[in-house]
Amino acid sequence: YEKIFNPNIDIQKVIIRGKIAYISFGWKLVESLHTDPELVIQSIVNSALENVRGLKGVKILIDGVEPVSTFCSISLLSTFRQPL
């Protein structure tokens, strides 16, 4: 298996509101996003959508805040609504 995430990345909080999962990661997630953003975001979104019944979307947060960054044309301001 290929290691996608730095093993020191922590999930700080998961809140599900209105069928959207808001997943807050620690700042170290940004390091992984610089390496292979498409694979990292795909892994997060697909895991959540495929494993939580009734979930309609995933919002990725960094330290509880909606990041304004774009990695390889993928904006983290997006709410991801389908498996990637």
PDB file of N, CA and C in Angstrom:
ATOM      1  N   TYR A   1       0.828  -1.191   0.000  1.00  0.00           N
ATOM      2  CA  TYR A   1       0.000   0.000   0.000  1.00  0.00           C
ATOM      3  C   TYR A   1       0.867   1.246   0.000  1.00  0.00           C
ATOM      4  N   GLU A   2       0.365   2.273  -0.653  1.00  0.00           N
ATOM      5  CA  GLU A   2       1.063   3.547  -0.680  1.00  0.00           C
ATOM      6  C   GLU A   2       0.608   4.387   0.508  1.00  0.00           C
ATOM      7  N   LYS A   3       1.561   5.003   1.202  1.00  0.00           N
ATOM      8  CA  LYS A   3       1.228   5.870   2.332  1.00  0.00           C
ATOM      9  C   LYS A   3       0.772   7.215   1.783  1.00  0.00           C
ATOM     10  N   ILE A   4      -0.461   7.593   2.084  1.00  0.00           N
ATOM     11  CA  ILE A   4      -1.035   8.834   1.566  1.00  0.00           C
ATOM     12  C   ILE A   4      -0.878   9.968   2.566  1.00  0.00           C
ATOM     13  N   PHE A   5      -1.052   9.647   3.843  1.00  0.00           N
ATOM     14  CA  PHE A   5      -1.048  10.659   4.891  1.00  0.00           C
ATOM     15  C   PHE A   5       0.184  10.541   5.770  1.00  0.00           C
ATOM     16  N   ASN A   6       0.630  11.668   6.240  1.00  0.00           N
ATOM     17  CA  ASN A   6       1.622  11.704   7.306  1.00  0.00           C
ATOM     18  C   ASN A   6       0.964  11.045   8.520  1.00  0.00           C
ATOM     19  N   PRO A   7       1.604  10.074   9.160  1.00  0.00           N
ATOM     20  CA  PRO A   7       0.964   9.389  10.292  1.00  0.00           C
ATOM     21  C   PRO A   7       0.693  10.301  11.485  1.00  0.00           C
ATOM     22  N   ASN A   8       1.281  11.495  11.479  1.00  0.00           N
ATOM     23  CA  ASN A   8       1.061  12.439  12.585  1.00  0.00           C
ATOM     24  C   ASN A   8      -0.139  13.355  12.368  1.00  0.00           C
ATOM     25  N   ILE A   9      -0.849  13.165  11.261  1.00  0.00           N
ATOM     26  CA  ILE A   9      -2.046  13.980  11.000  1.00  0.00           C
ATOM     27  C   ILE A   9      -3.154  13.522  11.938  1.00  0.00           C
ATOM     28  N   ASP A  10      -3.779  14.476  12.576  1.00  0.00           N
ATOM     29  CA  ASP A  10      -4.876  14.115  13.468  1.00  0.00           C
ATOM     30  C   ASP A  10      -6.192  14.700  12.980  1.00  0.00           C
ATOM     31  N   ILE A  11      -7.245  13.915  13.213  1.00  0.00           N
ATOM     32  CA  ILE A  11      -8.594  14.421  12.971  1.00  0.00           C
ATOM     33  C   ILE A  11      -9.031  15.049  14.283  1.00  0.00           C
ATOM     34  N   GLN A  12      -9.245  16.343  14.257  1.00  0.00           N
ATOM     35  CA  GLN A  12      -9.591  17.064  15.477  1.00  0.00           C
ATOM     36  C   GLN A  12     -11.055  16.907  15.843  1.00  0.00           C
ATOM     37  N   LYS A  13     -11.907  16.954  14.828  1.00  0.00           N
ATOM     38  CA  LYS A  13     -13.338  16.919  15.110  1.00  0.00           C
ATOM     39  C   LYS A  13     -14.098  16.562  13.846  1.00  0.00           C
ATOM     40  N   VAL A  14     -15.191  15.834  14.021  1.00  0.00           N
ATOM     41  CA  VAL A  14     -16.109  15.540  12.918  1.00  0.00           C
ATOM     42  C   VAL A  14     -17.501  15.951  13.379  1.00  0.00           C
ATOM     43  N   ILE A  15     -18.131  16.803  12.608  1.00  0.00           N
ATOM     44  CA  ILE A  15     -19.494  17.251  12.901  1.00  0.00           C
ATOM     45  C   ILE A  15     -20.328  16.951  11.662  1.00  0.00           C
ATOM     46  N   ILE A  16     -21.471  16.330  11.864  1.00  0.00           N
ATOM     47  CA  ILE A  16     -22.387  16.094  10.748  1.00  0.00           C
ATOM     48  C   ILE A  16     -23.604  16.976  10.966  1.00  0.00           C
ATOM     49  N   ARG A  17     -23.811  17.861  10.006  1.00  0.00           N
ATOM     50  CA  ARG A  17     -24.917  18.813  10.079  1.00  0.00           C
ATOM     51  C   ARG A  17     -25.572  18.889   8.703  1.00  0.00           C
ATOM     52  N   GLY A  18     -26.864  18.610   8.645  1.00  0.00           N
ATOM     53  CA  GLY A  18     -27.583  18.684   7.372  1.00  0.00           C
ATOM     54  C   GLY A  18     -27.033  17.727   6.333  1.00  0.00           C
ATOM     55  N   LYS A  19     -26.638  16.536   6.748  1.00  0.00           N
ATOM     56  CA  LYS A  19     -26.095  15.484   5.874  1.00  0.00           C
ATOM     57  C   LYS A  19     -24.751  15.835   5.250  1.00  0.00           C
ATOM     58  N   ILE A  20     -24.076  16.855   5.801  1.00  0.00           N
ATOM     59  CA  ILE A  20     -22.726  17.224   5.388  1.00  0.00           C
ATOM     60  C   ILE A  20     -21.785  16.947   6.565  1.00  0.00           C
ATOM     61  N   ALA A  21     -20.684  16.247   6.291  1.00  0.00           N
ATOM     62  CA  ALA A  21     -19.677  15.992   7.315  1.00  0.00           C
ATOM     63  C   ALA A  21     -18.618  17.088   7.240  1.00  0.00           C
ATOM     64  N   TYR A  22     -18.407  17.766   8.353  1.00  0.00           N
ATOM     65  CA  TYR A  22     -17.359  18.770   8.478  1.00  0.00           C
ATOM     66  C   TYR A  22     -16.233  18.088   9.239  1.00  0.00           C
ATOM     67  N   ILE A  23     -15.126  17.839   8.548  1.00  0.00           N
ATOM     68  CA  ILE A  23     -14.021  17.109   9.147  1.00  0.00           C
ATOM     69  C   ILE A  23     -12.853  18.073   9.326  1.00  0.00           C
ATOM     70  N   SER A  24     -12.479  18.294  10.575  1.00  0.00           N
ATOM     71  CA  SER A  24     -11.389  19.212  10.884  1.00  0.00           C
ATOM     72  C   SER A  24     -10.113  18.424  11.155  1.00  0.00           C
ATOM     73  N   PHE A  25      -9.100  18.710  10.358  1.00  0.00           N
ATOM     74  CA  PHE A  25      -7.786  18.093  10.493  1.00  0.00           C
ATOM     75  C   PHE A  25      -6.810  19.086  11.095  1.00  0.00           C
ATOM     76  N   GLY A  26      -5.744  18.566  11.689  1.00  0.00           N
ATOM     77  CA  GLY A  26      -4.655  19.419  12.159  1.00  0.00           C
ATOM     78  C   GLY A  26      -3.898  19.998  10.971  1.00  0.00           C
ATOM     79  N   TRP A  27      -3.046  20.967  11.260  1.00  0.00           N
ATOM     80  CA  TRP A  27      -2.314  21.697  10.227  1.00  0.00           C
ATOM     81  C   TRP A  27      -1.425  20.781   9.382  1.00  0.00           C
ATOM     82  N   LYS A  28      -0.992  19.649   9.915  1.00  0.00           N
ATOM     83  CA  LYS A  28      -0.089  18.762   9.177  1.00  0.00           C
ATOM     84  C   LYS A  28      -0.727  18.175   7.920  1.00  0.00           C
ATOM     85  N   LEU A  29      -2.045  18.247   7.798  1.00  0.00           N
ATOM     86  CA  LEU A  29      -2.687  17.781   6.569  1.00  0.00           C
ATOM     87  C   LEU A  29      -2.193  18.589   5.376  1.00  0.00           C
ATOM     88  N   VAL A  30      -1.878  19.853   5.579  1.00  0.00           N
ATOM     89  CA  VAL A  30      -1.435  20.718   4.483  1.00  0.00           C
ATOM     90  C   VAL A  30      -0.165  20.156   3.842  1.00  0.00           C
ATOM     91  N   GLU A  31       0.732  19.572   4.643  1.00  0.00           N
ATOM     92  CA  GLU A  31       1.949  18.973   4.085  1.00  0.00           C
ATOM     93  C   GLU A  31       1.593  17.875   3.085  1.00  0.00           C
ATOM     94  N   SER A  32       0.640  17.036   3.418  1.00  0.00           N
ATOM     95  CA  SER A  32       0.219  15.969   2.511  1.00  0.00           C
ATOM     96  C   SER A  32      -0.454  16.540   1.268  1.00  0.00           C
ATOM     97  N   LEU A  33      -1.163  17.639   1.423  1.00  0.00           N
ATOM     98  CA  LEU A  33      -1.829  18.262   0.282  1.00  0.00           C
ATOM     99  C   LEU A  33      -0.821  18.825  -0.712  1.00  0.00           C
ATOM    100  N   HIS A  34       0.335  19.250  -0.221  1.00  0.00           N
ATOM    101  CA  HIS A  34       1.370  19.754  -1.127  1.00  0.00           C
ATOM    102  C   HIS A  34       2.008  18.618  -1.921  1.00  0.00           C
ATOM    103  N   THR A  35       1.995  17.406  -1.375  1.00  0.00           N
ATOM    104  CA  THR A  35       2.620  16.270  -2.033  1.00  0.00           C
ATOM    105  C   THR A  35       1.732  15.694  -3.132  1.00  0.00           C
ATOM    106  N   ASP A  36       0.491  15.362  -2.812  1.00  0.00           N
ATOM    107  CA  ASP A  36      -0.435  14.770  -3.792  1.00  0.00           C
ATOM    108  C   ASP A  36      -1.861  15.130  -3.413  1.00  0.00           C
ATOM    109  N   PRO A  37      -2.270  16.374  -3.672  1.00  0.00           N
ATOM    110  CA  PRO A  37      -3.572  16.850  -3.196  1.00  0.00           C
ATOM    111  C   PRO A  37      -4.762  16.064  -3.712  1.00  0.00           C
ATOM    112  N   GLU A  38      -4.732  15.681  -4.958  1.00  0.00           N
ATOM    113  CA  GLU A  38      -5.883  14.976  -5.528  1.00  0.00           C
ATOM    114  C   GLU A  38      -6.110  13.637  -4.818  1.00  0.00           C
ATOM    115  N   LEU A  39      -5.043  12.901  -4.573  1.00  0.00           N
ATOM    116  CA  LEU A  39      -5.154  11.603  -3.919  1.00  0.00           C
ATOM    117  C   LEU A  39      -5.585  11.743  -2.464  1.00  0.00           C
ATOM    118  N   VAL A  40      -5.057  12.753  -1.769  1.00  0.00           N
ATOM    119  CA  VAL A  40      -5.407  12.974  -0.363  1.00  0.00           C
ATOM    120  C   VAL A  40      -6.884  13.347  -0.234  1.00  0.00           C
ATOM    121  N   ILE A  41      -7.337  14.304  -1.027  1.00  0.00           N
ATOM    122  CA  ILE A  41      -8.738  14.742  -0.956  1.00  0.00           C
ATOM    123  C   ILE A  41      -9.666  13.609  -1.383  1.00  0.00           C
ATOM    124  N   GLN A  42      -9.291  12.891  -2.424  1.00  0.00           N
ATOM    125  CA  GLN A  42     -10.084  11.750  -2.875  1.00  0.00           C
ATOM    126  C   GLN A  42     -10.221  10.719  -1.762  1.00  0.00           C
ATOM    127  N   SER A  43      -9.158  10.436  -1.070  1.00  0.00           N
ATOM    128  CA  SER A  43      -9.183   9.458   0.011  1.00  0.00           C
ATOM    129  C   SER A  43     -10.117   9.882   1.139  1.00  0.00           C
ATOM    130  N   ILE A  44     -10.034  11.139   1.536  1.00  0.00           N
ATOM    131  CA  ILE A  44     -10.884  11.658   2.618  1.00  0.00           C
ATOM    132  C   ILE A  44     -12.354  11.609   2.210  1.00  0.00           C
ATOM    133  N   VAL A  45     -12.658  12.174   1.049  1.00  0.00           N
ATOM    134  CA  VAL A  45     -14.048  12.282   0.590  1.00  0.00           C
ATOM    135  C   VAL A  45     -14.663  10.906   0.366  1.00  0.00           C
ATOM    136  N   ASN A  46     -13.961  10.050  -0.347  1.00  0.00           N
ATOM    137  CA  ASN A  46     -14.506   8.723  -0.637  1.00  0.00           C
ATOM    138  C   ASN A  46     -14.713   7.907   0.632  1.00  0.00           C
ATOM    139  N   SER A  47     -13.771   7.974   1.557  1.00  0.00           N
ATOM    140  CA  SER A  47     -13.919   7.223   2.809  1.00  0.00           C
ATOM    141  C   SER A  47     -15.157   7.661   3.576  1.00  0.00           C
ATOM    142  N   ALA A  48     -15.354   8.973   3.674  1.00  0.00           N
ATOM    143  CA  ALA A  48     -16.511   9.479   4.414  1.00  0.00           C
ATOM    144  C   ALA A  48     -17.825   9.127   3.718  1.00  0.00           C
ATOM    145  N   LEU A  49     -17.909   9.395   2.415  1.00  0.00           N
ATOM    146  CA  LEU A  49     -19.163   9.175   1.700  1.00  0.00           C
ATOM    147  C   LEU A  49     -19.536   7.695   1.600  1.00  0.00           C
ATOM    148  N   GLU A  50     -18.548   6.838   1.527  1.00  0.00           N
ATOM    149  CA  GLU A  50     -18.835   5.419   1.383  1.00  0.00           C
ATOM    150  C   GLU A  50     -19.073   4.709   2.716  1.00  0.00           C
ATOM    151  N   ASN A  51     -18.695   5.344   3.823  1.00  0.00           N
ATOM    152  CA  ASN A  51     -18.802   4.672   5.114  1.00  0.00           C
ATOM    153  C   ASN A  51     -19.824   5.272   6.070  1.00  0.00           C
ATOM    154  N   VAL A  52     -20.406   6.397   5.720  1.00  0.00           N
ATOM    155  CA  VAL A  52     -21.409   7.016   6.586  1.00  0.00           C
ATOM    156  C   VAL A  52     -22.720   7.071   5.810  1.00  0.00           C
ATOM    157  N   ARG A  53     -23.669   6.276   6.253  1.00  0.00           N
ATOM    158  CA  ARG A  53     -24.963   6.179   5.574  1.00  0.00           C
ATOM    159  C   ARG A  53     -25.695   7.522   5.586  1.00  0.00           C
ATOM    160  N   GLY A  54     -26.216   7.894   4.426  1.00  0.00           N
ATOM    161  CA  GLY A  54     -27.027   9.103   4.311  1.00  0.00           C
ATOM    162  C   GLY A  54     -26.234  10.387   4.144  1.00  0.00           C
ATOM    163  N   LEU A  55     -24.920  10.302   4.169  1.00  0.00           N
ATOM    164  CA  LEU A  55     -24.087  11.490   4.029  1.00  0.00           C
ATOM    165  C   LEU A  55     -24.160  11.991   2.589  1.00  0.00           C
ATOM    166  N   LYS A  56     -24.328  13.301   2.423  1.00  0.00           N
ATOM    167  CA  LYS A  56     -24.470  13.891   1.089  1.00  0.00           C
ATOM    168  C   LYS A  56     -23.267  14.731   0.675  1.00  0.00           C
ATOM    169  N   GLY A  57     -22.363  15.038   1.608  1.00  0.00           N
ATOM    170  CA  GLY A  57     -21.214  15.860   1.257  1.00  0.00           C
ATOM    171  C   GLY A  57     -20.178  15.877   2.347  1.00  0.00           C
ATOM    172  N   VAL A  58     -18.976  16.337   1.975  1.00  0.00           N
ATOM    173  CA  VAL A  58     -17.855  16.418   2.900  1.00  0.00           C
ATOM    174  C   VAL A  58     -17.205  17.786   2.758  1.00  0.00           C
ATOM    175  N   LYS A  59     -16.965  18.419   3.867  1.00  0.00           N
ATOM    176  CA  LYS A  59     -16.276  19.707   3.918  1.00  0.00           C
ATOM    177  C   LYS A  59     -14.998  19.502   4.721  1.00  0.00           C
ATOM    178  N   ILE A  60     -13.852  19.850   4.149  1.00  0.00           N
ATOM    179  CA  ILE A  60     -12.566  19.675   4.815  1.00  0.00           C
ATOM    180  C   ILE A  60     -12.169  20.988   5.481  1.00  0.00           C
ATOM    181  N   LEU A  61     -11.856  20.912   6.769  1.00  0.00           N
ATOM    182  CA  LEU A  61     -11.417  22.070   7.536  1.00  0.00           C
ATOM    183  C   LEU A  61      -9.994  21.828   8.035  1.00  0.00           C
ATOM    184  N   ILE A  62      -9.254  22.914   8.226  1.00  0.00           N
ATOM    185  CA  ILE A  62      -7.919  22.842   8.816  1.00  0.00           C
ATOM    186  C   ILE A  62      -7.961  23.630  10.115  1.00  0.00           C
ATOM    187  N   ASP A  63      -7.671  22.960  11.217  1.00  0.00           N
ATOM    188  CA  ASP A  63      -7.744  23.573  12.550  1.00  0.00           C
ATOM    189  C   ASP A  63      -9.093  24.249  12.791  1.00  0.00           C
ATOM    190  N   GLY A  64     -10.166  23.616  12.300  1.00  0.00           N
ATOM    191  CA  GLY A  64     -11.518  24.107  12.535  1.00  0.00           C
ATOM    192  C   GLY A  64     -11.951  25.249  11.646  1.00  0.00           C
ATOM    193  N   VAL A  65     -11.102  25.625  10.697  1.00  0.00           N
ATOM    194  CA  VAL A  65     -11.387  26.778   9.837  1.00  0.00           C
ATOM    195  C   VAL A  65     -11.457  26.320   8.386  1.00  0.00           C
ATOM    196  N   GLU A  66     -12.364  26.924   7.644  1.00  0.00           N
ATOM    197  CA  GLU A  66     -12.489  26.622   6.225  1.00  0.00           C
ATOM    198  C   GLU A  66     -11.295  27.240   5.490  1.00  0.00           C
ATOM    199  N   PRO A  67     -10.417  26.396   4.920  1.00  0.00           N
ATOM    200  CA  PRO A  67      -9.224  26.938   4.253  1.00  0.00           C
ATOM    201  C   PRO A  67      -9.575  27.579   2.923  1.00  0.00           C
ATOM    202  N   VAL A  68      -8.821  28.603   2.568  1.00  0.00           N
ATOM    203  CA  VAL A  68      -9.050  29.297   1.300  1.00  0.00           C
ATOM    204  C   VAL A  68      -8.058  28.839   0.241  1.00  0.00           C
ATOM    205  N   SER A  69      -7.293  27.830   0.545  1.00  0.00           N
ATOM    206  CA  SER A  69      -6.245  27.355  -0.356  1.00  0.00           C
ATOM    207  C   SER A  69      -6.812  26.515  -1.494  1.00  0.00           C
ATOM    208  N   THR A  70      -6.055  26.521  -2.587  1.00  0.00           N
ATOM    209  CA  THR A  70      -6.349  25.668  -3.728  1.00  0.00           C
ATOM    210  C   THR A  70      -5.099  24.836  -3.987  1.00  0.00           C
ATOM    211  N   PHE A  71      -5.294  23.541  -4.148  1.00  0.00           N
ATOM    212  CA  PHE A  71      -4.183  22.636  -4.413  1.00  0.00           C
ATOM    213  C   PHE A  71      -4.468  21.935  -5.730  1.00  0.00           C
ATOM    214  N   CYS A  72      -3.602  22.151  -6.736  1.00  0.00           N
ATOM    215  CA  CYS A  72      -3.781  21.547  -8.073  1.00  0.00           C
ATOM    216  C   CYS A  72      -5.194  21.778  -8.594  1.00  0.00           C
ATOM    217  N   SER A  73      -5.652  22.981  -8.538  1.00  0.00           N
ATOM    218  CA  SER A  73      -6.972  23.415  -8.999  1.00  0.00           C
ATOM    219  C   SER A  73      -8.143  22.834  -8.204  1.00  0.00           C
ATOM    220  N   ILE A  74      -7.863  22.226  -7.061  1.00  0.00           N
ATOM    221  CA  ILE A  74      -8.928  21.731  -6.187  1.00  0.00           C
ATOM    222  C   ILE A  74      -9.076  22.721  -5.037  1.00  0.00           C
ATOM    223  N   SER A  75     -10.197  23.397  -4.979  1.00  0.00           N
ATOM    224  CA  SER A  75     -10.428  24.389  -3.937  1.00  0.00           C
ATOM    225  C   SER A  75     -10.994  23.718  -2.691  1.00  0.00           C
ATOM    226  N   LEU A  76     -10.397  24.014  -1.551  1.00  0.00           N
ATOM    227  CA  LEU A  76     -10.917  23.472  -0.301  1.00  0.00           C
ATOM    228  C   LEU A  76     -12.113  24.264   0.203  1.00  0.00           C
ATOM    229  N   LEU A  77     -12.541  25.278  -0.547  1.00  0.00           N
ATOM    230  CA  LEU A  77     -13.784  25.967  -0.218  1.00  0.00           C
ATOM    231  C   LEU A  77     -14.987  25.131  -0.668  1.00  0.00           C
ATOM    232  N   SER A  78     -14.726  24.127  -1.473  1.00  0.00           N
ATOM    233  CA  SER A  78     -15.788  23.270  -2.006  1.00  0.00           C
ATOM    234  C   SER A  78     -16.338  22.335  -0.949  1.00  0.00           C
ATOM    235  N   THR A  79     -17.618  22.019  -1.108  1.00  0.00           N
ATOM    236  CA  THR A  79     -18.204  20.896  -0.380  1.00  0.00           C
ATOM    237  C   THR A  79     -18.253  19.771  -1.392  1.00  0.00           C
ATOM    238  N   PHE A  80     -17.541  18.697  -1.113  1.00  0.00           N
ATOM    239  CA  PHE A  80     -17.451  17.575  -2.048  1.00  0.00           C
ATOM    240  C   PHE A  80     -18.684  16.710  -1.862  1.00  0.00           C
ATOM    241  N   ARG A  81     -19.471  16.527  -2.918  1.00  0.00           N
ATOM    242  CA  ARG A  81     -20.766  15.877  -2.821  1.00  0.00           C
ATOM    243  C   ARG A  81     -20.844  14.494  -3.459  1.00  0.00           C
ATOM    244  N   GLN A  82     -19.777  14.023  -4.030  1.00  0.00           N
ATOM    245  CA  GLN A  82     -19.792  12.683  -4.610  1.00  0.00           C
ATOM    246  C   GLN A  82     -18.393  12.100  -4.525  1.00  0.00           C
ATOM    247  N   PRO A  83     -18.304  10.794  -4.532  1.00  0.00           N
ATOM    248  CA  PRO A  83     -16.960  10.193  -4.514  1.00  0.00           C
ATOM    249  C   PRO A  83     -16.140  10.688  -5.697  1.00  0.00           C
ATOM    250  N   LEU A  84     -14.880  10.901  -5.469  1.00  0.00           N
ATOM    251  CA  LEU A  84     -13.997  11.435  -6.522  1.00  0.00           C
ATOM    252  C   LEU A  84     -13.283  10.313  -7.253  1.00  0.00           C
TER     253      LEU A  84
END
